[in-house]
PDB file of N, CA and C in Angstrom:
ATOM      1  N   MET A   1       4.558 -17.393  16.203  1.00  0.00           N
ATOM      2  CA  MET A   1       5.527 -16.849  15.638  1.00  0.00           C
ATOM      3  C   MET A   1       5.079 -15.488  15.306  1.00  0.00           C
ATOM      4  N   ALA A   2       5.989 -14.865  16.200  1.00  0.00           N
ATOM      5  CA  ALA A   2       6.099 -13.343  15.911  1.00  0.00           C
ATOM      6  C   ALA A   2       6.743 -12.339  15.059  1.00  0.00           C
ATOM      7  N   SER A   3       6.070 -11.163  15.011  1.00  0.00           N
ATOM      8  CA  SER A   3       5.676 -10.606  13.761  1.00  0.00           C
ATOM      9  C   SER A   3       6.450  -8.874  13.963  1.00  0.00           C
ATOM     10  N   TYR A   4       6.811  -8.405  12.957  1.00  0.00           N
ATOM     11  CA  TYR A   4       7.421  -7.104  13.270  1.00  0.00           C
ATOM     12  C   TYR A   4       6.314  -6.439  13.532  1.00  0.00           C
ATOM     13  N   ARG A   5       5.155  -7.131  12.456  1.00  0.00           N
ATOM     14  CA  ARG A   5       4.192  -5.713  11.833  1.00  0.00           C
ATOM     15  C   ARG A   5       2.714  -5.978  13.369  1.00  0.00           C
ATOM     16  N   ASN A   6       3.312  -6.587  14.301  1.00  0.00           N
ATOM     17  CA  ASN A   6       2.705  -6.497  15.611  1.00  0.00           C
ATOM     18  C   ASN A   6       2.363  -5.248  16.176  1.00  0.00           C
ATOM     19  N   ASP A   7       4.267  -4.491  15.792  1.00  0.00           N
ATOM     20  CA  ASP A   7       4.602  -3.232  16.754  1.00  0.00           C
ATOM     21  C   ASP A   7       4.218  -2.144  16.393  1.00  0.00           C
ATOM     22  N   MET A   8       3.705  -2.107  15.214  1.00  0.00           N
ATOM     23  CA  MET A   8       3.051  -0.489  14.459  1.00  0.00           C
ATOM     24  C   MET A   8       1.901  -0.410  13.447  1.00  0.00           C
ATOM     25  N   THR A   9       2.077   0.332  13.583  1.00  0.00           N
ATOM     26  CA  THR A   9       0.157   0.426  13.114  1.00  0.00           C
ATOM     27  C   THR A   9       0.407   0.202  11.196  1.00  0.00           C
ATOM     28  N   ILE A  10      -1.045  -0.346  10.678  1.00  0.00           N
ATOM     29  CA  ILE A  10      -1.429  -0.022   9.907  1.00  0.00           C
ATOM     30  C   ILE A  10      -0.373   0.674   8.692  1.00  0.00           C
ATOM     31  N   TYR A  11      -1.191   2.006   9.345  1.00  0.00           N
ATOM     32  CA  TYR A  11      -1.072   3.348   8.293  1.00  0.00           C
ATOM     33  C   TYR A  11       0.890   3.711   8.456  1.00  0.00           C
ATOM     34  N   GLY A  12       1.298   3.060   9.786  1.00  0.00           N
ATOM     35  CA  GLY A  12       2.462   3.333   9.697  1.00  0.00           C
ATOM     36  C   GLY A  12       3.770   2.339   8.941  1.00  0.00           C
ATOM     37  N   ARG A  13       3.076   1.002   9.079  1.00  0.00           N
ATOM     38  CA  ARG A  13       3.917   0.104   8.303  1.00  0.00           C
ATOM     39  C   ARG A  13       4.010   1.064   6.797  1.00  0.00           C
ATOM     40  N   ALA A  14       2.652   1.400   6.275  1.00  0.00           N
ATOM     41  CA  ALA A  14       2.754   1.849   5.126  1.00  0.00           C
ATOM     42  C   ALA A  14       3.447   2.996   4.462  1.00  0.00           C
ATOM     43  N   VAL A  15       2.969   4.103   5.402  1.00  0.00           N
ATOM     44  CA  VAL A  15       3.931   5.093   5.168  1.00  0.00           C
ATOM     45  C   VAL A  15       5.694   4.587   5.073  1.00  0.00           C
ATOM     46  N   ILE A  16       6.247   3.914   6.075  1.00  0.00           N
ATOM     47  CA  ILE A  16       7.371   3.883   5.764  1.00  0.00           C
ATOM     48  C   ILE A  16       7.844   3.137   4.643  1.00  0.00           C
ATOM     49  N   ALA A  17       6.943   2.037   4.284  1.00  0.00           N
ATOM     50  CA  ALA A  17       7.241   1.028   2.898  1.00  0.00           C
ATOM     51  C   ALA A  17       7.135   1.878   1.719  1.00  0.00           C
ATOM     52  N   ALA A  18       6.222   3.150   1.647  1.00  0.00           N
ATOM     53  CA  ALA A  18       5.537   3.760   0.372  1.00  0.00           C
ATOM     54  C   ALA A  18       7.127   4.986   0.644  1.00  0.00           C
ATOM     55  N   ARG A  19       7.455   5.552   1.623  1.00  0.00           N
ATOM     56  CA  ARG A  19       8.682   6.433   1.539  1.00  0.00           C
ATOM     57  C   ARG A  19      10.019   5.897   1.511  1.00  0.00           C
ATOM     58  N   SER A  20       9.743   4.729   1.183  1.00  0.00           N
ATOM     59  CA  SER A  20      11.438   3.567   0.912  1.00  0.00           C
ATOM     60  C   SER A  20      11.138   3.362  -0.404  1.00  0.00           C
ATOM     61  N   ARG A  21       9.932   3.738  -1.130  1.00  0.00           N
ATOM     62  CA  ARG A  21      10.218   3.704  -2.749  1.00  0.00           C
ATOM     63  C   ARG A  21      10.318   4.663  -3.217  1.00  0.00           C
ATOM     64  N   PRO A  22      11.268   4.230  -4.284  1.00  0.00           N
ATOM     65  CA  PRO A  22      11.710   5.358  -5.522  1.00  0.00           C
ATOM     66  C   PRO A  22      10.273   6.147  -5.821  1.00  0.00           C
ATOM     67  N   GLU A  23      10.500   7.370  -5.907  1.00  0.00           N
ATOM     68  CA  GLU A  23       9.318   7.919  -6.962  1.00  0.00           C
ATOM     69  C   GLU A  23       9.701   8.197  -8.048  1.00  0.00           C
ATOM     70  N   VAL A  24       8.201   7.950  -8.914  1.00  0.00           N
ATOM     71  CA  VAL A  24       8.819   7.850 -10.265  1.00  0.00           C
ATOM     72  C   VAL A  24       7.420   9.029 -10.696  1.00  0.00           C
ATOM     73  N   ALA A  25       7.226  10.913 -11.310  1.00  0.00           N
ATOM     74  CA  ALA A  25       5.905  11.340 -10.979  1.00  0.00           C
ATOM     75  C   ALA A  25       4.638  10.320 -11.723  1.00  0.00           C
ATOM     76  N   GLY A  26       4.844  10.030 -12.757  1.00  0.00           N
ATOM     77  CA  GLY A  26       3.684   9.458 -13.662  1.00  0.00           C
ATOM     78  C   GLY A  26       2.858   7.732 -13.490  1.00  0.00           C
ATOM     79  N   SER A  27       4.099   7.257 -11.961  1.00  0.00           N
ATOM     80  CA  SER A  27       3.743   5.928 -11.923  1.00  0.00           C
ATOM     81  C   SER A  27       2.645   5.323 -10.903  1.00  0.00           C
ATOM     82  N   LEU A  28       2.476   6.941  -9.997  1.00  0.00           N
ATOM     83  CA  LEU A  28       1.345   6.837  -8.687  1.00  0.00           C
ATOM     84  C   LEU A  28       0.596   5.643  -8.735  1.00  0.00           C
ATOM     85  N   PRO A  29      -0.427   6.243  -9.692  1.00  0.00           N
ATOM     86  CA  PRO A  29      -1.711   5.343  -9.554  1.00  0.00           C
ATOM     87  C   PRO A  29      -1.376   3.939 -10.214  1.00  0.00           C
ATOM     88  N   THR A  30      -0.468   3.604 -11.381  1.00  0.00           N
ATOM     89  CA  THR A  30       0.116   2.214 -11.774  1.00  0.00           C
ATOM     90  C   THR A  30       0.530   1.672 -10.320  1.00  0.00           C
ATOM     91  N   ASP A  31       0.959   2.277  -9.625  1.00  0.00           N
ATOM     92  CA  ASP A  31       1.554   1.663  -8.691  1.00  0.00           C
ATOM     93  C   ASP A  31       0.281   0.979  -7.494  1.00  0.00           C
ATOM     94  N   ALA A  32      -0.438   2.249  -7.441  1.00  0.00           N
ATOM     95  CA  ALA A  32      -1.450   1.523  -6.119  1.00  0.00           C
ATOM     96  C   ALA A  32      -2.615   0.491  -6.654  1.00  0.00           C
ATOM     97  N   ILE A  33      -2.262   0.373  -8.578  1.00  0.00           N
ATOM     98  CA  ILE A  33      -3.476  -0.869  -8.850  1.00  0.00           C
ATOM     99  C   ILE A  33      -2.785  -1.977  -8.791  1.00  0.00           C
ATOM    100  N   ALA A  34      -1.046  -1.883  -8.746  1.00  0.00           N
ATOM    101  CA  ALA A  34      -0.671  -2.906  -9.236  1.00  0.00           C
ATOM    102  C   ALA A  34      -0.140  -3.497  -7.557  1.00  0.00           C
ATOM    103  N   LEU A  35      -0.288  -3.019  -6.364  1.00  0.00           N
ATOM    104  CA  LEU A  35      -0.009  -2.762  -5.072  1.00  0.00           C
ATOM    105  C   LEU A  35      -1.771  -3.835  -4.448  1.00  0.00           C
ATOM    106  N   ARG A  36      -2.399  -3.278  -4.928  1.00  0.00           N
ATOM    107  CA  ARG A  36      -3.930  -4.073  -4.839  1.00  0.00           C
ATOM    108  C   ARG A  36      -4.278  -5.346  -5.462  1.00  0.00           C
ATOM    109  N   ALA A  37      -3.504  -5.483  -6.910  1.00  0.00           N
ATOM    110  CA  ALA A  37      -3.821  -6.873  -7.361  1.00  0.00           C
ATOM    111  C   ALA A  37      -2.428  -7.567  -6.262  1.00  0.00           C
ATOM    112  N   LYS A  38      -1.682  -7.238  -6.168  1.00  0.00           N
ATOM    113  CA  LYS A  38      -0.783  -7.927  -5.329  1.00  0.00           C
ATOM    114  C   LYS A  38      -1.579  -8.516  -3.570  1.00  0.00           C
ATOM    115  N   ALA A  39      -2.319  -7.389  -3.108  1.00  0.00           N
ATOM    116  CA  ALA A  39      -3.160  -7.584  -1.857  1.00  0.00           C
ATOM    117  C   ALA A  39      -3.963  -8.869  -2.314  1.00  0.00           C
ATOM    118  N   ALA A  40      -4.880  -9.045  -3.342  1.00  0.00           N
ATOM    119  CA  ALA A  40      -5.637  -9.669  -3.697  1.00  0.00           C
ATOM    120  C   ALA A  40      -5.012 -11.361  -4.104  1.00  0.00           C
ATOM    121  N   ARG A  41      -3.740 -11.715  -4.793  1.00  0.00           N
ATOM    122  CA  ARG A  41      -3.531 -12.374  -4.787  1.00  0.00           C
ATOM    123  C   ARG A  41      -2.738 -13.320  -3.789  1.00  0.00           C
ATOM    124  N   TYR A  42      -2.573 -11.848  -2.547  1.00  0.00           N
ATOM    125  CA  TYR A  42      -2.570 -13.033  -1.207  1.00  0.00           C
ATOM    126  C   TYR A  42      -3.771 -13.039  -0.692  1.00  0.00           C
ATOM    127  N   ARG A  43      -4.522 -12.510  -0.754  1.00  0.00           N
ATOM    128  CA  ARG A  43      -5.684 -12.994  -0.212  1.00  0.00           C
ATOM    129  C   ARG A  43      -6.316 -14.364  -0.628  1.00  0.00           C
ATOM    130  N   ARG A  44      -6.313 -14.529  -1.850  1.00  0.00           N
ATOM    131  CA  ARG A  44      -6.490 -16.085  -2.678  1.00  0.00           C
ATOM    132  C   ARG A  44      -5.683 -16.969  -2.092  1.00  0.00           C
ATOM    133  N   LEU A  45      -4.419 -16.562  -2.202  1.00  0.00           N
ATOM    134  CA  LEU A  45      -3.353 -17.725  -1.532  1.00  0.00           C
ATOM    135  C   LEU A  45      -3.915 -17.736   0.062  1.00  0.00           C
ATOM    136  N   ALA A  46      -4.353 -17.399   0.606  1.00  0.00           N
ATOM    137  CA  ALA A  46      -4.712 -17.484   2.563  1.00  0.00           C
ATOM    138  C   ALA A  46      -5.838 -17.970   2.391  1.00  0.00           C
ATOM    139  N   GLU A  47      -6.599 -18.329   1.324  1.00  0.00           N
ATOM    140  CA  GLU A  47      -7.629 -18.926   1.598  1.00  0.00           C
ATOM    141  C   GLU A  47      -7.407 -20.688   1.266  1.00  0.00           C
ATOM    142  N   VAL A  48      -6.133 -21.185   0.835  1.00  0.00           N
ATOM    143  CA  VAL A  48      -6.153 -22.445   0.476  1.00  0.00           C
ATOM    144  C   VAL A  48      -5.148 -22.704   1.680  1.00  0.00           C
ATOM    145  N   LEU A  49      -4.652 -21.905   2.435  1.00  0.00           N
ATOM    146  CA  LEU A  49      -3.673 -22.518   3.738  1.00  0.00           C
ATOM    147  C   LEU A  49      -4.405 -23.105   4.742  1.00  0.00           C
ATOM    148  N   PHE A  50      -3.324 -23.946   5.900  1.00  0.00           N
ATOM    149  CA  PHE A  50      -4.128 -24.361   6.365  1.00  0.00           C
ATOM    150  C   PHE A  50      -3.573 -24.198   8.044  1.00  0.00           C
ATOM    151  N   ASP A  51      -2.736 -23.771   8.336  1.00  0.00           N
ATOM    152  CA  ASP A  51      -1.843 -22.895   9.225  1.00  0.00           C
ATOM    153  C   ASP A  51      -2.501 -21.752   9.400  1.00  0.00           C
ATOM    154  N   GLN A  52      -3.068 -21.444  10.705  1.00  0.00           N
ATOM    155  CA  GLN A  52      -3.602 -20.103  10.915  1.00  0.00           C
ATOM    156  C   GLN A  52      -2.561 -18.837  11.119  1.00  0.00           C
ATOM    157  N   ARG A  53      -1.490 -19.126  11.871  1.00  0.00           N
ATOM    158  CA  ARG A  53      -0.473 -18.391  12.205  1.00  0.00           C
ATOM    159  C   ARG A  53      -0.164 -17.667  10.842  1.00  0.00           C
ATOM    160  N   VAL A  54       0.194 -18.640   9.762  1.00  0.00           N
ATOM    161  CA  VAL A  54       0.312 -18.503   8.070  1.00  0.00           C
ATOM    162  C   VAL A  54      -0.438 -17.574   7.623  1.00  0.00           C
ATOM    163  N   ILE A  55      -1.691 -18.262   8.143  1.00  0.00           N
ATOM    164  CA  ILE A  55      -3.104 -17.242   7.069  1.00  0.00           C
ATOM    165  C   ILE A  55      -3.089 -15.965   7.994  1.00  0.00           C
ATOM    166  N   ALA A  56      -2.613 -15.680   9.130  1.00  0.00           N
ATOM    167  CA  ALA A  56      -3.052 -14.284   9.618  1.00  0.00           C
ATOM    168  C   ALA A  56      -1.936 -13.486   9.335  1.00  0.00           C
ATOM    169  N   GLU A  57      -0.602 -13.894   8.908  1.00  0.00           N
ATOM    170  CA  GLU A  57       0.348 -13.321   8.266  1.00  0.00           C
ATOM    171  C   GLU A  57       0.361 -12.730   6.739  1.00  0.00           C
ATOM    172  N   VAL A  58      -0.324 -13.856   6.420  1.00  0.00           N
ATOM    173  CA  VAL A  58      -0.774 -13.536   4.670  1.00  0.00           C
ATOM    174  C   VAL A  58      -1.521 -12.332   4.630  1.00  0.00           C
ATOM    175  N   HIS A  59      -2.585 -12.482   5.382  1.00  0.00           N
ATOM    176  CA  HIS A  59      -3.846 -11.611   5.519  1.00  0.00           C
ATOM    177  C   HIS A  59      -3.160 -10.065   5.852  1.00  0.00           C
ATOM    178  N   ALA A  60      -2.433  -9.845   6.821  1.00  0.00           N
ATOM    179  CA  ALA A  60      -1.495  -9.013   7.234  1.00  0.00           C
ATOM    180  C   ALA A  60      -0.611  -8.319   6.366  1.00  0.00           C
ATOM    181  N   CYS A  61       0.003  -9.148   5.502  1.00  0.00           N
ATOM    182  CA  CYS A  61       0.624  -8.605   4.401  1.00  0.00           C
ATOM    183  C   CYS A  61      -0.408  -7.876   3.296  1.00  0.00           C
ATOM    184  N   ALA A  62      -1.433  -8.536   3.271  1.00  0.00           N
ATOM    185  CA  ALA A  62      -2.541  -7.572   1.902  1.00  0.00           C
ATOM    186  C   ALA A  62      -2.578  -6.447   2.504  1.00  0.00           C
ATOM    187  N   ARG A  63      -3.378  -6.758   3.813  1.00  0.00           N
ATOM    188  CA  ARG A  63      -3.567  -5.209   4.720  1.00  0.00           C
ATOM    189  C   ARG A  63      -2.352  -4.234   4.744  1.00  0.00           C
ATOM    190  N   ASP A  64      -1.222  -4.501   4.724  1.00  0.00           N
ATOM    191  CA  ASP A  64      -0.357  -3.611   4.294  1.00  0.00           C
ATOM    192  C   ASP A  64      -0.418  -3.103   2.685  1.00  0.00           C
ATOM    193  N   LEU A  65      -0.383  -3.892   1.819  1.00  0.00           N
ATOM    194  CA  LEU A  65      -0.207  -3.853   0.530  1.00  0.00           C
ATOM    195  C   LEU A  65      -0.969  -2.747   0.235  1.00  0.00           C
ATOM    196  N   ASP A  66      -2.765  -2.795   0.498  1.00  0.00           N
ATOM    197  CA  ASP A  66      -3.907  -2.149   0.252  1.00  0.00           C
ATOM    198  C   ASP A  66      -3.593  -0.839   1.069  1.00  0.00           C
ATOM    199  N   ALA A  67      -3.238  -0.714   2.436  1.00  0.00           N
ATOM    200  CA  ALA A  67      -2.724   0.705   3.158  1.00  0.00           C
ATOM    201  C   ALA A  67      -1.539   1.074   1.891  1.00  0.00           C
ATOM    202  N   GLU A  68      -0.558   0.810   1.799  1.00  0.00           N
ATOM    203  CA  GLU A  68      -0.055   1.604   1.095  1.00  0.00           C
ATOM    204  C   GLU A  68      -0.775   1.660  -0.275  1.00  0.00           C
ATOM    205  N   ALA A  69      -1.448   1.558  -0.730  1.00  0.00           N
ATOM    206  CA  ALA A  69      -2.170   1.822  -2.039  1.00  0.00           C
ATOM    207  C   ALA A  69      -3.153   3.070  -2.077  1.00  0.00           C
ATOM    208  N   SER A  70      -3.688   2.880  -0.672  1.00  0.00           N
ATOM    209  CA  SER A  70      -4.175   4.007  -0.316  1.00  0.00           C
ATOM    210  C   SER A  70      -3.308   5.418  -0.083  1.00  0.00           C
ATOM    211  N   TRP A  71      -1.835   5.254   0.450  1.00  0.00           N
ATOM    212  CA  TRP A  71      -1.358   5.963   0.936  1.00  0.00           C
ATOM    213  C   TRP A  71      -0.629   6.957  -0.862  1.00  0.00           C
ATOM    214  N   VAL A  72      -0.096   5.682  -1.761  1.00  0.00           N
ATOM    215  CA  VAL A  72      -0.081   6.109  -2.914  1.00  0.00           C
ATOM    216  C   VAL A  72      -0.915   7.099  -3.725  1.00  0.00           C
ATOM    217  N   GLU A  73      -2.473   6.602  -3.508  1.00  0.00           N
ATOM    218  CA  GLU A  73      -3.311   7.335  -4.073  1.00  0.00           C
ATOM    219  C   GLU A  73      -3.413   8.783  -3.694  1.00  0.00           C
ATOM    220  N   ARG A  74      -3.406   8.906  -2.004  1.00  0.00           N
ATOM    221  CA  ARG A  74      -3.207  10.154  -1.309  1.00  0.00           C
ATOM    222  C   ARG A  74      -2.502  10.924  -2.097  1.00  0.00           C
ATOM    223  N   GLN A  75      -1.001  10.383  -2.209  1.00  0.00           N
ATOM    224  CA  GLN A  75      -0.277  11.241  -2.664  1.00  0.00           C
ATOM    225  C   GLN A  75      -0.613  11.655  -4.304  1.00  0.00           C
ATOM    226  N   ALA A  76      -0.613  10.654  -4.970  1.00  0.00           N
ATOM    227  CA  ALA A  76      -1.190  11.083  -6.292  1.00  0.00           C
ATOM    228  C   ALA A  76      -2.390  12.364  -6.434  1.00  0.00           C
ATOM    229  N   ALA A  77      -3.265  12.073  -5.526  1.00  0.00           N
ATOM    230  CA  ALA A  77      -4.325  13.241  -5.870  1.00  0.00           C
ATOM    231  C   ALA A  77      -3.669  14.506  -5.178  1.00  0.00           C
ATOM    232  N   TYR A  78      -2.802  14.254  -3.745  1.00  0.00           N
ATOM    233  CA  TYR A  78      -2.098  15.405  -3.721  1.00  0.00           C
ATOM    234  C   TYR A  78      -1.464  16.484  -4.791  1.00  0.00           C
ATOM    235  N   ARG A  79      -0.643  15.242  -5.308  1.00  0.00           N
ATOM    236  CA  ARG A  79       0.090  15.770  -6.021  1.00  0.00           C
ATOM    237  C   ARG A  79      -0.605  16.571  -7.683  1.00  0.00           C
ATOM    238  N   ALA A  80      -1.706  16.650  -7.618  1.00  0.00           N
ATOM    239  CA  ALA A  80      -2.378  16.134  -8.950  1.00  0.00           C
ATOM    240  C   ALA A  80      -3.313  17.819  -8.276  1.00  0.00           C
ATOM    241  N   GLU A  81      -3.669  18.020  -7.553  1.00  0.00           N
ATOM    242  CA  GLU A  81      -4.214  19.190  -6.466  1.00  0.00           C
ATOM    243  C   GLU A  81      -2.946  20.259  -6.423  1.00  0.00           C
ATOM    244  N   LEU A  82      -1.822  19.934  -6.299  1.00  0.00           N
ATOM    245  CA  LEU A  82      -0.606  20.971  -6.184  1.00  0.00           C
ATOM    246  C   LEU A  82      -0.689  21.409  -7.226  1.00  0.00           C
ATOM    247  N   LEU A  83      -0.692  20.543  -8.867  1.00  0.00           N
ATOM    248  CA  LEU A  83      -0.188  21.089 -10.015  1.00  0.00           C
ATOM    249  C   LEU A  83      -1.950  21.795 -10.397  1.00  0.00           C
ATOM    250  N   GLU A  84      -2.712  21.875 -10.062  1.00  0.00           N
ATOM    251  CA  GLU A  84      -3.570  22.239 -10.606  1.00  0.00           C
ATOM    252  C   GLU A  84      -4.062  23.933  -9.760  1.00  0.00           C
ATOM    253  N   ARG A  85      -3.459  23.973  -8.682  1.00  0.00           N
ATOM    254  CA  ARG A  85      -2.921  24.900  -8.226  1.00  0.00           C
ATOM    255  C   ARG A  85      -2.313  26.041  -8.319  1.00  0.00           C
ATOM    256  N   LYS A  86      -0.995  24.985  -8.894  1.00  0.00           N
ATOM    257  CA  LYS A  86       0.111  26.277  -9.716  1.00  0.00           C
ATOM    258  C   LYS A  86      -0.238  26.812 -10.928  1.00  0.00           C
ATOM    259  N   ARG A  87      -0.799  25.687 -11.967  1.00  0.00           N
ATOM    260  CA  ARG A  87      -1.382  26.405 -12.789  1.00  0.00           C
ATOM    261  C   ARG A  87      -2.768  27.585 -13.084  1.00  0.00           C
ATOM    262  N   ALA A  88      -3.618  27.828 -12.160  1.00  0.00           N
ATOM    263  CA  ALA A  88      -4.579  28.362 -11.615  1.00  0.00           C
ATOM    264  C   ALA A  88      -3.377  29.727 -11.519  1.00  0.00           C
ATOM    265  N   ASN A  89      -2.673  29.224 -10.697  1.00  0.00           N
ATOM    266  CA  ASN A  89      -2.117  31.187 -10.510  1.00  0.00           C
ATOM    267  C   ASN A  89      -1.092  31.595 -10.938  1.00  0.00           C
ATOM    268  N   ASN A  90      -0.766  30.664 -12.302  1.00  0.00           N
ATOM    269  CA  ASN A  90       0.103  31.209 -13.311  1.00  0.00           C
ATOM    270  C   ASN A  90      -0.816  31.703 -14.669  1.00  0.00           C
TER     271      ASN A  90
END
């Protein structure tokens, strides 16, 4: 089973996925929590599957979600830092 995931790094996929999401200023940490919860559900699903190819694909999806959550968290931290700097300069 070929996958588009084989041609990209996890970070690259996460960046593309995160950039394609509409950004709502206050929801970034909530989005990260939701993504990590979804990744955990994917891992639980993989535990009950039998086909190794499907298991690998489900685990890849979970890794993608974790990578996207990390990206979202970094964006939230960066935005908070920018706001703090802006307040300090005013």
